[in-house]
């Protein structure tokens, strides 16, 4: 099943219960109670969820209706509130107002829709001129809203780069992730997460020139690095023009969100086991024109991996 990071849902508060028409014995006065209010609908962060797949098969979320009013001025049952669980880092965008709500550790629960008010029973309408009211109110509709859900993975570091830059291999080597790797473009078709020393690393599918206008995998997954603390820009030593490769990715980031290029970043020159030391130094020097932090690394070179691990621990 594909990784689901976007969905649309309809949310509605429960309908308020109807008021009751009732009387005390011998019609000595009205006794009809008010209807109970409908249940509210809340969105709640759930650490056990990692994607939005639950919202593909179910798109309507409605609070429980309030119960009808009873005799002897008893209020009807309050409708149960409904709690909609989403992964941490989910943003809900109101389709009509465009207002955004992000559910995270600082904001783990939010009221989306209020339930409807219960209708008044006939006892509420008693007055000096109407001692035996014969009518009651129907309950009120609950609030209804439509939302677009967008999940942005919560990670400390984001691995980006062109296809075959070695991102997935690094993730597999550093963490317990088991990402499919192969020597052809777009092996990674969805974001992958791994954890090293308590820090989360996200492997974002490869970009290509023109991704911002839909080429290749497009920019669908770039949302997942908007929240990372640091970007790891991976460039393979196999590249015949590291300057062009670097600029290709940076330009796509700028087109998607200019703030991404302002994030703290480091360049990983990957697969250094494939060329000699002089070529490595030449490419490192070229890349340092763009970023003073360039780290040569290979999953087959223990010393370079140790340097990388020390870097991850210290950042």
C-alpha atoms as a PDB file:
ATOM      1  CA  UNK A   1       0.000   0.000   0.000  1.00  0.00           C
ATOM      2  CA  UNK A   2       1.297   3.483  -0.882  1.00  0.00           C
ATOM      3  CA  UNK A   3       2.241   5.954   1.786  1.00  0.00           C
ATOM      4  CA  UNK A   4      -0.810   8.167   2.397  1.00  0.00           C
ATOM      5  CA  UNK A   5       0.067  11.709   3.471  1.00  0.00           C
ATOM      6  CA  UNK A   6      -2.976  13.634   2.218  1.00  0.00           C
ATOM      7  CA  UNK A   7      -6.724  13.096   2.654  1.00  0.00           C
ATOM      8  CA  UNK A   8     -10.061  14.933   2.763  1.00  0.00           C
ATOM      9  CA  UNK A   9     -12.750  14.470   5.402  1.00  0.00           C
ATOM     10  CA  UNK A  10     -16.125  15.853   6.423  1.00  0.00           C
ATOM     11  CA  UNK A  11     -16.641  16.540  10.124  1.00  0.00           C
ATOM     12  CA  UNK A  12     -19.944  17.321  11.822  1.00  0.00           C
ATOM     13  CA  UNK A  13     -21.097  17.781  15.395  1.00  0.00           C
ATOM     14  CA  UNK A  14     -23.963  15.615  16.599  1.00  0.00           C
ATOM     15  CA  UNK A  15     -27.549  16.831  16.154  1.00  0.00           C
ATOM     16  CA  UNK A  16     -29.166  18.248  19.270  1.00  0.00           C
ATOM     17  CA  UNK A  17     -31.992  16.153  20.723  1.00  0.00           C
ATOM     18  CA  UNK A  18     -35.607  17.270  20.391  1.00  0.00           C
ATOM     19  CA  UNK A  19     -37.414  18.900  23.315  1.00  0.00           C
ATOM     20  CA  UNK A  20     -40.298  16.973  24.868  1.00  0.00           C
ATOM     21  CA  UNK A  21     -43.962  17.880  25.115  1.00  0.00           C
ATOM     22  CA  UNK A  22     -45.191  16.414  28.404  1.00  0.00           C
ATOM     23  CA  UNK A  23     -47.346  17.375  31.388  1.00  0.00           C
ATOM     24  CA  UNK A  24     -47.576  16.686  35.051  1.00  0.00           C
ATOM     25  CA  UNK A  25     -50.583  14.587  36.022  1.00  0.00           C
ATOM     26  CA  UNK A  26     -53.970  16.151  35.324  1.00  0.00           C
ATOM     27  CA  UNK A  27     -52.253  18.748  33.096  1.00  0.00           C
ATOM     28  CA  UNK A  28     -51.290  20.863  36.065  1.00  0.00           C
ATOM     29  CA  UNK A  29     -48.379  22.177  34.107  1.00  0.00           C
ATOM     30  CA  UNK A  30     -45.822  21.340  31.420  1.00  0.00           C
ATOM     31  CA  UNK A  31     -43.069  18.885  32.346  1.00  0.00           C
ATOM     32  CA  UNK A  32     -41.294  18.328  29.043  1.00  0.00           C
ATOM     33  CA  UNK A  33     -37.507  18.469  29.323  1.00  0.00           C
ATOM     34  CA  UNK A  34     -34.926  19.859  26.917  1.00  0.00           C
ATOM     35  CA  UNK A  35     -33.146  17.709  24.379  1.00  0.00           C
ATOM     36  CA  UNK A  36     -29.528  16.815  25.049  1.00  0.00           C
ATOM     37  CA  UNK A  37     -26.769  18.566  23.090  1.00  0.00           C
ATOM     38  CA  UNK A  38     -25.046  16.731  20.255  1.00  0.00           C
ATOM     39  CA  UNK A  39     -21.520  15.471  20.739  1.00  0.00           C
ATOM     40  CA  UNK A  40     -18.540  17.608  19.752  1.00  0.00           C
ATOM     41  CA  UNK A  41     -15.846  16.378  17.367  1.00  0.00           C
ATOM     42  CA  UNK A  42     -12.195  16.727  18.355  1.00  0.00           C
ATOM     43  CA  UNK A  43      -8.971  15.912  16.506  1.00  0.00           C
ATOM     44  CA  UNK A  44      -6.317  14.239  18.658  1.00  0.00           C
ATOM     45  CA  UNK A  45      -2.623  13.467  18.118  1.00  0.00           C
ATOM     46  CA  UNK A  46      -1.810   9.753  18.213  1.00  0.00           C
ATOM     47  CA  UNK A  47       1.878   8.737  18.360  1.00  0.00           C
ATOM     48  CA  UNK A  48       1.059   5.235  17.138  1.00  0.00           C
ATOM     49  CA  UNK A  49      -0.113   6.479  13.737  1.00  0.00           C
ATOM     50  CA  UNK A  50       2.371   7.165  10.945  1.00  0.00           C
ATOM     51  CA  UNK A  51       0.160   7.955   7.948  1.00  0.00           C
ATOM     52  CA  UNK A  52      -3.369   8.970   6.921  1.00  0.00           C
ATOM     53  CA  UNK A  53      -4.499   5.656   5.422  1.00  0.00           C
ATOM     54  CA  UNK A  54      -7.488   5.407   7.805  1.00  0.00           C
ATOM     55  CA  UNK A  55      -9.078   8.404   6.060  1.00  0.00           C
ATOM     56  CA  UNK A  56      -9.204   6.751   2.658  1.00  0.00           C
ATOM     57  CA  UNK A  57     -11.940   4.253   3.556  1.00  0.00           C
ATOM     58  CA  UNK A  58     -13.781   6.539   5.989  1.00  0.00           C
ATOM     59  CA  UNK A  59     -14.289  10.217   5.172  1.00  0.00           C
ATOM     60  CA  UNK A  60     -17.252  11.243   7.373  1.00  0.00           C
ATOM     61  CA  UNK A  61     -16.861  11.829  11.124  1.00  0.00           C
ATOM     62  CA  UNK A  62     -20.020  12.787  13.039  1.00  0.00           C
ATOM     63  CA  UNK A  63     -20.558  13.235  16.773  1.00  0.00           C
ATOM     64  CA  UNK A  64     -23.355  11.298  18.493  1.00  0.00           C
ATOM     65  CA  UNK A  65     -26.799  12.898  18.430  1.00  0.00           C
ATOM     66  CA  UNK A  66     -28.262  14.195  21.672  1.00  0.00           C
ATOM     67  CA  UNK A  67     -31.171  12.311  23.210  1.00  0.00           C
ATOM     68  CA  UNK A  68     -34.759  13.676  23.369  1.00  0.00           C
ATOM     69  CA  UNK A  69     -35.985  15.455  26.461  1.00  0.00           C
ATOM     70  CA  UNK A  70     -37.878  13.401  29.052  1.00  0.00           C
ATOM     71  CA  UNK A  71     -40.781  13.860  31.398  1.00  0.00           C
ATOM     72  CA  UNK A  72     -40.515  15.706  34.698  1.00  0.00           C
ATOM     73  CA  UNK A  73     -38.212  18.266  33.034  1.00  0.00           C
ATOM     74  CA  UNK A  74     -35.414  15.749  32.503  1.00  0.00           C
ATOM     75  CA  UNK A  75     -32.808  16.786  29.961  1.00  0.00           C
ATOM     76  CA  UNK A  76     -32.057  14.258  27.233  1.00  0.00           C
ATOM     77  CA  UNK A  77     -28.810  12.301  27.073  1.00  0.00           C
ATOM     78  CA  UNK A  78     -25.775  14.300  26.012  1.00  0.00           C
ATOM     79  CA  UNK A  79     -24.349  12.984  22.749  1.00  0.00           C
ATOM     80  CA  UNK A  80     -20.917  11.399  23.125  1.00  0.00           C
ATOM     81  CA  UNK A  81     -18.006  13.395  21.791  1.00  0.00           C
ATOM     82  CA  UNK A  82     -16.080  11.910  18.864  1.00  0.00           C
ATOM     83  CA  UNK A  83     -12.269  11.887  18.844  1.00  0.00           C
ATOM     84  CA  UNK A  84     -10.556  11.668  15.462  1.00  0.00           C
ATOM     85  CA  UNK A  85      -7.005  10.309  15.804  1.00  0.00           C
ATOM     86  CA  UNK A  86      -4.302  11.621  13.480  1.00  0.00           C
ATOM     87  CA  UNK A  87      -0.503  11.241  13.372  1.00  0.00           C
ATOM     88  CA  UNK A  88       1.602  13.849  15.138  1.00  0.00           C
ATOM     89  CA  UNK A  89       2.450  16.559  12.612  1.00  0.00           C
ATOM     90  CA  UNK A  90      -0.875  16.512  10.759  1.00  0.00           C
ATOM     91  CA  UNK A  91      -2.180  19.848   9.463  1.00  0.00           C
ATOM     92  CA  UNK A  92      -5.909  20.291   8.879  1.00  0.00           C
ATOM     93  CA  UNK A  93      -6.954  22.998   6.439  1.00  0.00           C
ATOM     94  CA  UNK A  94     -10.572  24.186   6.453  1.00  0.00           C
ATOM     95  CA  UNK A  95     -11.684  23.960   2.822  1.00  0.00           C
ATOM     96  CA  UNK A  96     -13.922  27.050   3.101  1.00  0.00           C
ATOM     97  CA  UNK A  97     -11.994  29.441   5.353  1.00  0.00           C
ATOM     98  CA  UNK A  98      -8.499  28.098   4.597  1.00  0.00           C
ATOM     99  CA  UNK A  99      -7.751  28.261   8.331  1.00  0.00           C
ATOM    100  CA  UNK A 100      -5.017  25.813   9.371  1.00  0.00           C
ATOM    101  CA  UNK A 101      -4.621  23.730  12.512  1.00  0.00           C
ATOM    102  CA  UNK A 102      -1.474  21.675  13.137  1.00  0.00           C
ATOM    103  CA  UNK A 103      -1.713  18.834  15.637  1.00  0.00           C
ATOM    104  CA  UNK A 104       1.543  18.197  17.460  1.00  0.00           C
ATOM    105  CA  UNK A 105       2.982  17.776  20.931  1.00  0.00           C
ATOM    106  CA  UNK A 106       2.300  21.401  21.805  1.00  0.00           C
ATOM    107  CA  UNK A 107      -1.235  21.235  20.418  1.00  0.00           C
ATOM    108  CA  UNK A 108      -2.336  17.591  20.862  1.00  0.00           C
ATOM    109  CA  UNK A 109      -6.108  18.161  20.805  1.00  0.00           C
ATOM    110  CA  UNK A 110      -8.406  20.625  19.064  1.00  0.00           C
ATOM    111  CA  UNK A 111     -12.166  21.151  18.827  1.00  0.00           C
ATOM    112  CA  UNK A 112     -13.186  20.879  15.169  1.00  0.00           C
ATOM    113  CA  UNK A 113     -16.990  21.034  15.349  1.00  0.00           C
ATOM    114  CA  UNK A 114     -19.452  21.784  18.117  1.00  0.00           C
ATOM    115  CA  UNK A 115     -22.504  19.628  18.585  1.00  0.00           C
ATOM    116  CA  UNK A 116     -25.941  21.142  18.075  1.00  0.00           C
ATOM    117  CA  UNK A 117     -27.910  22.585  20.988  1.00  0.00           C
ATOM    118  CA  UNK A 118     -30.819  20.516  22.251  1.00  0.00           C
ATOM    119  CA  UNK A 119     -34.341  21.782  21.601  1.00  0.00           C
ATOM    120  CA  UNK A 120     -36.297  23.247  24.504  1.00  0.00           C
ATOM    121  CA  UNK A 121     -39.080  21.201  26.022  1.00  0.00           C
ATOM    122  CA  UNK A 122     -42.547  22.639  26.503  1.00  0.00           C
ATOM    123  CA  UNK A 123     -41.854  23.473  30.134  1.00  0.00           C
ATOM    124  CA  UNK A 124     -39.457  26.184  28.863  1.00  0.00           C
ATOM    125  CA  UNK A 125     -42.345  27.950  27.161  1.00  0.00           C
ATOM    126  CA  UNK A 126     -44.599  28.295  30.205  1.00  0.00           C
ATOM    127  CA  UNK A 127     -45.633  31.904  30.878  1.00  0.00           C
ATOM    128  CA  UNK A 128     -48.456  33.786  32.613  1.00  0.00           C
ATOM    129  CA  UNK A 129     -50.297  33.906  29.304  1.00  0.00           C
ATOM    130  CA  UNK A 130     -49.428  30.369  28.224  1.00  0.00           C
ATOM    131  CA  UNK A 131     -49.724  28.055  31.214  1.00  0.00           C
ATOM    132  CA  UNK A 132     -50.059  24.841  29.203  1.00  0.00           C
ATOM    133  CA  UNK A 133     -47.784  25.170  26.158  1.00  0.00           C
ATOM    134  CA  UNK A 134     -48.378  22.462  23.597  1.00  0.00           C
ATOM    135  CA  UNK A 135     -45.156  22.665  21.646  1.00  0.00           C
ATOM    136  CA  UNK A 136     -41.401  22.015  21.989  1.00  0.00           C
ATOM    137  CA  UNK A 137     -38.366  22.727  19.827  1.00  0.00           C
ATOM    138  CA  UNK A 138     -36.521  20.364  17.554  1.00  0.00           C
ATOM    139  CA  UNK A 139     -32.824  20.038  18.221  1.00  0.00           C
ATOM    140  CA  UNK A 140     -30.298  22.101  16.264  1.00  0.00           C
ATOM    141  CA  UNK A 141     -27.866  20.839  13.647  1.00  0.00           C
ATOM    142  CA  UNK A 142     -24.263  20.386  14.681  1.00  0.00           C
ATOM    143  CA  UNK A 143     -21.503  22.450  13.120  1.00  0.00           C
ATOM    144  CA  UNK A 144     -20.218  20.998   9.834  1.00  0.00           C
ATOM    145  CA  UNK A 145     -16.807  21.552   8.218  1.00  0.00           C
ATOM    146  CA  UNK A 146     -14.713  20.003   5.465  1.00  0.00           C
ATOM    147  CA  UNK A 147     -10.984  19.591   5.908  1.00  0.00           C
ATOM    148  CA  UNK A 148      -7.954  18.710   3.855  1.00  0.00           C
ATOM    149  CA  UNK A 149      -5.418  16.754   5.899  1.00  0.00           C
ATOM    150  CA  UNK A 150      -1.704  17.005   5.186  1.00  0.00           C
ATOM    151  CA  UNK A 151       0.866  14.972   7.088  1.00  0.00           C
ATOM    152  CA  UNK A 152       4.358  16.386   7.449  1.00  0.00           C
ATOM    153  CA  UNK A 153       6.674  13.820   8.970  1.00  0.00           C
ATOM    154  CA  UNK A 154       8.384  14.901  12.173  1.00  0.00           C
ATOM    155  CA  UNK A 155      12.122  14.366  11.733  1.00  0.00           C
ATOM    156  CA  UNK A 156      15.374  15.906  12.949  1.00  0.00           C
ATOM    157  CA  UNK A 157      17.177  15.409   9.652  1.00  0.00           C
ATOM    158  CA  UNK A 158      15.991  15.199   6.033  1.00  0.00           C
ATOM    159  CA  UNK A 159      17.953  13.361   3.330  1.00  0.00           C
ATOM    160  CA  UNK A 160      17.437  14.916  -0.103  1.00  0.00           C
ATOM    161  CA  UNK A 161      19.090  14.671  -3.512  1.00  0.00           C
ATOM    162  CA  UNK A 162      18.714  13.423  -7.054  1.00  0.00           C
ATOM    163  CA  UNK A 163      17.826   9.754  -7.658  1.00  0.00           C
ATOM    164  CA  UNK A 164      20.652   7.300  -6.890  1.00  0.00           C
ATOM    165  CA  UNK A 165      22.421   9.737  -4.567  1.00  0.00           C
ATOM    166  CA  UNK A 166      22.745   7.044  -1.895  1.00  0.00           C
ATOM    167  CA  UNK A 167      20.164   8.403   0.540  1.00  0.00           C
ATOM    168  CA  UNK A 168      18.375   5.119   1.232  1.00  0.00           C
ATOM    169  CA  UNK A 169      21.624   3.181   1.619  1.00  0.00           C
ATOM    170  CA  UNK A 170      22.796   5.652   4.257  1.00  0.00           C
ATOM    171  CA  UNK A 171      19.486   5.414   6.088  1.00  0.00           C
ATOM    172  CA  UNK A 172      19.681   1.619   6.100  1.00  0.00           C
ATOM    173  CA  UNK A 173      23.276   1.659   7.361  1.00  0.00           C
ATOM    174  CA  UNK A 174      22.634   4.117  10.179  1.00  0.00           C
ATOM    175  CA  UNK A 175      19.259   2.847  11.374  1.00  0.00           C
ATOM    176  CA  UNK A 176      17.068  -0.224  11.485  1.00  0.00           C
ATOM    177  CA  UNK A 177      15.208   0.948   8.380  1.00  0.00           C
ATOM    178  CA  UNK A 178      14.974  -1.597   5.580  1.00  0.00           C
ATOM    179  CA  UNK A 179      14.514   0.559   2.510  1.00  0.00           C
ATOM    180  CA  UNK A 180      14.653  -1.001  -0.946  1.00  0.00           C
ATOM    181  CA  UNK A 181      17.764   0.116  -2.836  1.00  0.00           C
ATOM    182  CA  UNK A 182      18.915  -0.482  -6.407  1.00  0.00           C
ATOM    183  CA  UNK A 183      21.018   1.195  -9.074  1.00  0.00           C
ATOM    184  CA  UNK A 184      18.170   2.808 -10.988  1.00  0.00           C
ATOM    185  CA  UNK A 185      16.094   5.983 -10.526  1.00  0.00           C
ATOM    186  CA  UNK A 186      13.140   6.221  -8.151  1.00  0.00           C
ATOM    187  CA  UNK A 187      13.839   3.135  -6.081  1.00  0.00           C
ATOM    188  CA  UNK A 188      12.376   5.144  -3.203  1.00  0.00           C
ATOM    189  CA  UNK A 189       8.754   5.912  -4.034  1.00  0.00           C
ATOM    190  CA  UNK A 190       7.660   7.177  -0.626  1.00  0.00           C
ATOM    191  CA  UNK A 191       9.313   8.777   2.429  1.00  0.00           C
ATOM    192  CA  UNK A 192      11.072   6.467   4.867  1.00  0.00           C
ATOM    193  CA  UNK A 193      12.035   7.051   8.477  1.00  0.00           C
ATOM    194  CA  UNK A 194      14.822   5.701  10.635  1.00  0.00           C
ATOM    195  CA  UNK A 195      16.141   6.506  14.106  1.00  0.00           C
ATOM    196  CA  UNK A 196      19.797   6.914  15.077  1.00  0.00           C
ATOM    197  CA  UNK A 197      20.753   7.762  18.661  1.00  0.00           C
ATOM    198  CA  UNK A 198      17.218   8.976  19.352  1.00  0.00           C
ATOM    199  CA  UNK A 199      17.128  11.295  16.337  1.00  0.00           C
ATOM    200  CA  UNK A 200      14.758  10.731  13.429  1.00  0.00           C
ATOM    201  CA  UNK A 201      16.072  10.763   9.851  1.00  0.00           C
ATOM    202  CA  UNK A 202      13.683  11.085   6.893  1.00  0.00           C
ATOM    203  CA  UNK A 203      14.663   9.787   3.444  1.00  0.00           C
ATOM    204  CA  UNK A 204      12.741  11.855   0.883  1.00  0.00           C
ATOM    205  CA  UNK A 205      12.266  10.423  -2.651  1.00  0.00           C
ATOM    206  CA  UNK A 206      14.632  11.785  -5.289  1.00  0.00           C
ATOM    207  CA  UNK A 207      14.103  15.085  -7.032  1.00  0.00           C
ATOM    208  CA  UNK A 208      14.847  15.804 -10.661  1.00  0.00           C
ATOM    209  CA  UNK A 209      14.993  19.001 -12.671  1.00  0.00           C
ATOM    210  CA  UNK A 210      11.427  20.108 -13.325  1.00  0.00           C
ATOM    211  CA  UNK A 211      10.034  18.418 -10.209  1.00  0.00           C
ATOM    212  CA  UNK A 212       8.313  21.674  -9.244  1.00  0.00           C
ATOM    213  CA  UNK A 213       6.180  21.424 -12.383  1.00  0.00           C
ATOM    214  CA  UNK A 214       5.383  17.733 -11.978  1.00  0.00           C
ATOM    215  CA  UNK A 215       8.253  15.889 -13.654  1.00  0.00           C
ATOM    216  CA  UNK A 216       9.362  12.585 -12.122  1.00  0.00           C
ATOM    217  CA  UNK A 217       7.837  12.191  -8.692  1.00  0.00           C
ATOM    218  CA  UNK A 218       7.178  15.911  -8.595  1.00  0.00           C
ATOM    219  CA  UNK A 219       7.499  17.784  -5.316  1.00  0.00           C
ATOM    220  CA  UNK A 220       4.790  15.869  -3.490  1.00  0.00           C
ATOM    221  CA  UNK A 221       7.142  14.705  -0.745  1.00  0.00           C
ATOM    222  CA  UNK A 222       8.995  17.952  -0.082  1.00  0.00           C
ATOM    223  CA  UNK A 223       6.418  18.823   2.563  1.00  0.00           C
ATOM    224  CA  UNK A 224       8.208  16.289   4.764  1.00  0.00           C
ATOM    225  CA  UNK A 225      11.354  18.376   5.079  1.00  0.00           C
ATOM    226  CA  UNK A 226       9.591  21.634   5.929  1.00  0.00           C
ATOM    227  CA  UNK A 227       9.783  20.759   9.624  1.00  0.00           C
ATOM    228  CA  UNK A 228      13.257  19.164   9.837  1.00  0.00           C
ATOM    229  CA  UNK A 229      16.026  20.828  11.830  1.00  0.00           C
ATOM    230  CA  UNK A 230      18.721  20.161   9.217  1.00  0.00           C
ATOM    231  CA  UNK A 231      18.878  19.104   5.581  1.00  0.00           C
ATOM    232  CA  UNK A 232      21.381  16.490   4.381  1.00  0.00           C
ATOM    233  CA  UNK A 233      21.998  17.192   0.697  1.00  0.00           C
ATOM    234  CA  UNK A 234      23.345  13.977  -0.864  1.00  0.00           C
ATOM    235  CA  UNK A 235      25.427  14.100  -4.046  1.00  0.00           C
ATOM    236  CA  UNK A 236      27.056  10.989  -5.471  1.00  0.00           C
ATOM    237  CA  UNK A 237      30.730  11.012  -6.495  1.00  0.00           C
ATOM    238  CA  UNK A 238      29.474   9.353  -9.672  1.00  0.00           C
ATOM    239  CA  UNK A 239      28.130  12.747 -10.760  1.00  0.00           C
ATOM    240  CA  UNK A 240      30.074  14.216 -13.686  1.00  0.00           C
ATOM    241  CA  UNK A 241      29.059  17.761 -12.661  1.00  0.00           C
ATOM    242  CA  UNK A 242      28.476  18.195  -8.932  1.00  0.00           C
ATOM    243  CA  UNK A 243      27.865  21.945  -9.330  1.00  0.00           C
ATOM    244  CA  UNK A 244      24.983  21.416 -11.744  1.00  0.00           C
ATOM    245  CA  UNK A 245      23.580  18.615  -9.592  1.00  0.00           C
ATOM    246  CA  UNK A 246      23.695  20.799  -6.480  1.00  0.00           C
ATOM    247  CA  UNK A 247      22.032  23.739  -8.250  1.00  0.00           C
ATOM    248  CA  UNK A 248      19.327  21.504  -9.752  1.00  0.00           C
ATOM    249  CA  UNK A 249      18.124  20.420  -6.320  1.00  0.00           C
ATOM    250  CA  UNK A 250      18.476  23.874  -4.757  1.00  0.00           C
ATOM    251  CA  UNK A 251      16.444  25.468  -7.557  1.00  0.00           C
ATOM    252  CA  UNK A 252      13.624  22.961  -7.065  1.00  0.00           C
ATOM    253  CA  UNK A 253      13.621  23.673  -3.325  1.00  0.00           C
ATOM    254  CA  UNK A 254      13.400  27.407  -3.980  1.00  0.00           C
ATOM    255  CA  UNK A 255      10.454  26.956  -6.322  1.00  0.00           C
ATOM    256  CA  UNK A 256       8.617  24.856  -3.763  1.00  0.00           C
ATOM    257  CA  UNK A 257       9.384  26.930  -0.666  1.00  0.00           C
ATOM    258  CA  UNK A 258      12.206  29.521  -0.568  1.00  0.00           C
ATOM    259  CA  UNK A 259      12.540  29.055   3.187  1.00  0.00           C
ATOM    260  CA  UNK A 260      13.866  25.528   2.674  1.00  0.00           C
ATOM    261  CA  UNK A 261      17.178  26.824   1.324  1.00  0.00           C
ATOM    262  CA  UNK A 262      17.582  28.925   4.472  1.00  0.00           C
ATOM    263  CA  UNK A 263      17.595  25.823   6.680  1.00  0.00           C
ATOM    264  CA  UNK A 264      20.831  24.603   8.219  1.00  0.00           C
ATOM    265  CA  UNK A 265      22.348  22.053   5.868  1.00  0.00           C
ATOM    266  CA  UNK A 266      25.354  19.891   5.096  1.00  0.00           C
ATOM    267  CA  UNK A 267      26.429  18.235   1.862  1.00  0.00           C
ATOM    268  CA  UNK A 268      27.165  14.517   1.899  1.00  0.00           C
ATOM    269  CA  UNK A 269      29.437  13.455  -0.947  1.00  0.00           C
ATOM    270  CA  UNK A 270      28.368   9.811  -1.121  1.00  0.00           C
ATOM    271  CA  UNK A 271      29.799   6.561  -2.514  1.00  0.00           C
ATOM    272  CA  UNK A 272      33.416   7.714  -2.045  1.00  0.00           C
ATOM    273  CA  UNK A 273      34.595   4.109  -2.274  1.00  0.00           C
ATOM    274  CA  UNK A 274      34.099   4.359  -6.049  1.00  0.00           C
ATOM    275  CA  UNK A 275      36.833   6.933  -6.848  1.00  0.00           C
ATOM    276  CA  UNK A 276      40.358   7.777  -5.699  1.00  0.00           C
ATOM    277  CA  UNK A 277      41.300  10.251  -3.004  1.00  0.00           C
ATOM    278  CA  UNK A 278      42.395  13.013  -5.407  1.00  0.00           C
ATOM    279  CA  UNK A 279      39.029  13.006  -7.178  1.00  0.00           C
ATOM    280  CA  UNK A 280      37.230  13.088  -3.848  1.00  0.00           C
ATOM    281  CA  UNK A 281      39.238  16.124  -2.711  1.00  0.00           C
ATOM    282  CA  UNK A 282      38.576  17.875  -6.034  1.00  0.00           C
ATOM    283  CA  UNK A 283      34.802  17.415  -5.716  1.00  0.00           C
ATOM    284  CA  UNK A 284      34.780  18.382  -2.036  1.00  0.00           C
ATOM    285  CA  UNK A 285      36.594  21.614  -2.916  1.00  0.00           C
ATOM    286  CA  UNK A 286      34.068  22.354  -5.661  1.00  0.00           C
ATOM    287  CA  UNK A 287      31.102  21.781  -3.338  1.00  0.00           C
ATOM    288  CA  UNK A 288      32.566  23.948  -0.579  1.00  0.00           C
ATOM    289  CA  UNK A 289      31.808  26.941  -2.801  1.00  0.00           C
ATOM    290  CA  UNK A 290      28.165  26.374  -1.825  1.00  0.00           C
ATOM    291  CA  UNK A 291      28.464  25.052   1.718  1.00  0.00           C
ATOM    292  CA  UNK A 292      31.483  25.038   4.008  1.00  0.00           C
ATOM    293  CA  UNK A 293      30.229  21.773   5.524  1.00  0.00           C
ATOM    294  CA  UNK A 294      30.923  18.903   3.116  1.00  0.00           C
ATOM    295  CA  UNK A 295      31.266  15.372   4.468  1.00  0.00           C
ATOM    296  CA  UNK A 296      32.604  12.583   2.198  1.00  0.00           C
ATOM    297  CA  UNK A 297      30.985   9.275   3.148  1.00  0.00           C
ATOM    298  CA  UNK A 298      30.478   5.689   2.044  1.00  0.00           C
ATOM    299  CA  UNK A 299      28.616   2.824   3.644  1.00  0.00           C
ATOM    300  CA  UNK A 300      31.709   0.732   2.861  1.00  0.00           C
ATOM    301  CA  UNK A 301      34.162   3.093   4.569  1.00  0.00           C
ATOM    302  CA  UNK A 302      34.125   2.681   8.358  1.00  0.00           C
ATOM    303  CA  UNK A 303      36.110   5.851   9.066  1.00  0.00           C
ATOM    304  CA  UNK A 304      33.713   8.022   7.077  1.00  0.00           C
ATOM    305  CA  UNK A 305      30.728   6.374   8.787  1.00  0.00           C
ATOM    306  CA  UNK A 306      32.266   7.041  12.193  1.00  0.00           C
ATOM    307  CA  UNK A 307      32.674  10.729  11.275  1.00  0.00           C
ATOM    308  CA  UNK A 308      29.061  10.818  10.148  1.00  0.00           C
ATOM    309  CA  UNK A 309      27.832   9.189  13.360  1.00  0.00           C
ATOM    310  CA  UNK A 310      29.774  11.663  15.492  1.00  0.00           C
ATOM    311  CA  UNK A 311      28.235  14.484  13.476  1.00  0.00           C
ATOM    312  CA  UNK A 312      24.718  13.136  14.048  1.00  0.00           C
ATOM    313  CA  UNK A 313      25.299  12.799  17.792  1.00  0.00           C
ATOM    314  CA  UNK A 314      26.631  16.357  18.105  1.00  0.00           C
ATOM    315  CA  UNK A 315      23.814  18.008  16.114  1.00  0.00           C
END
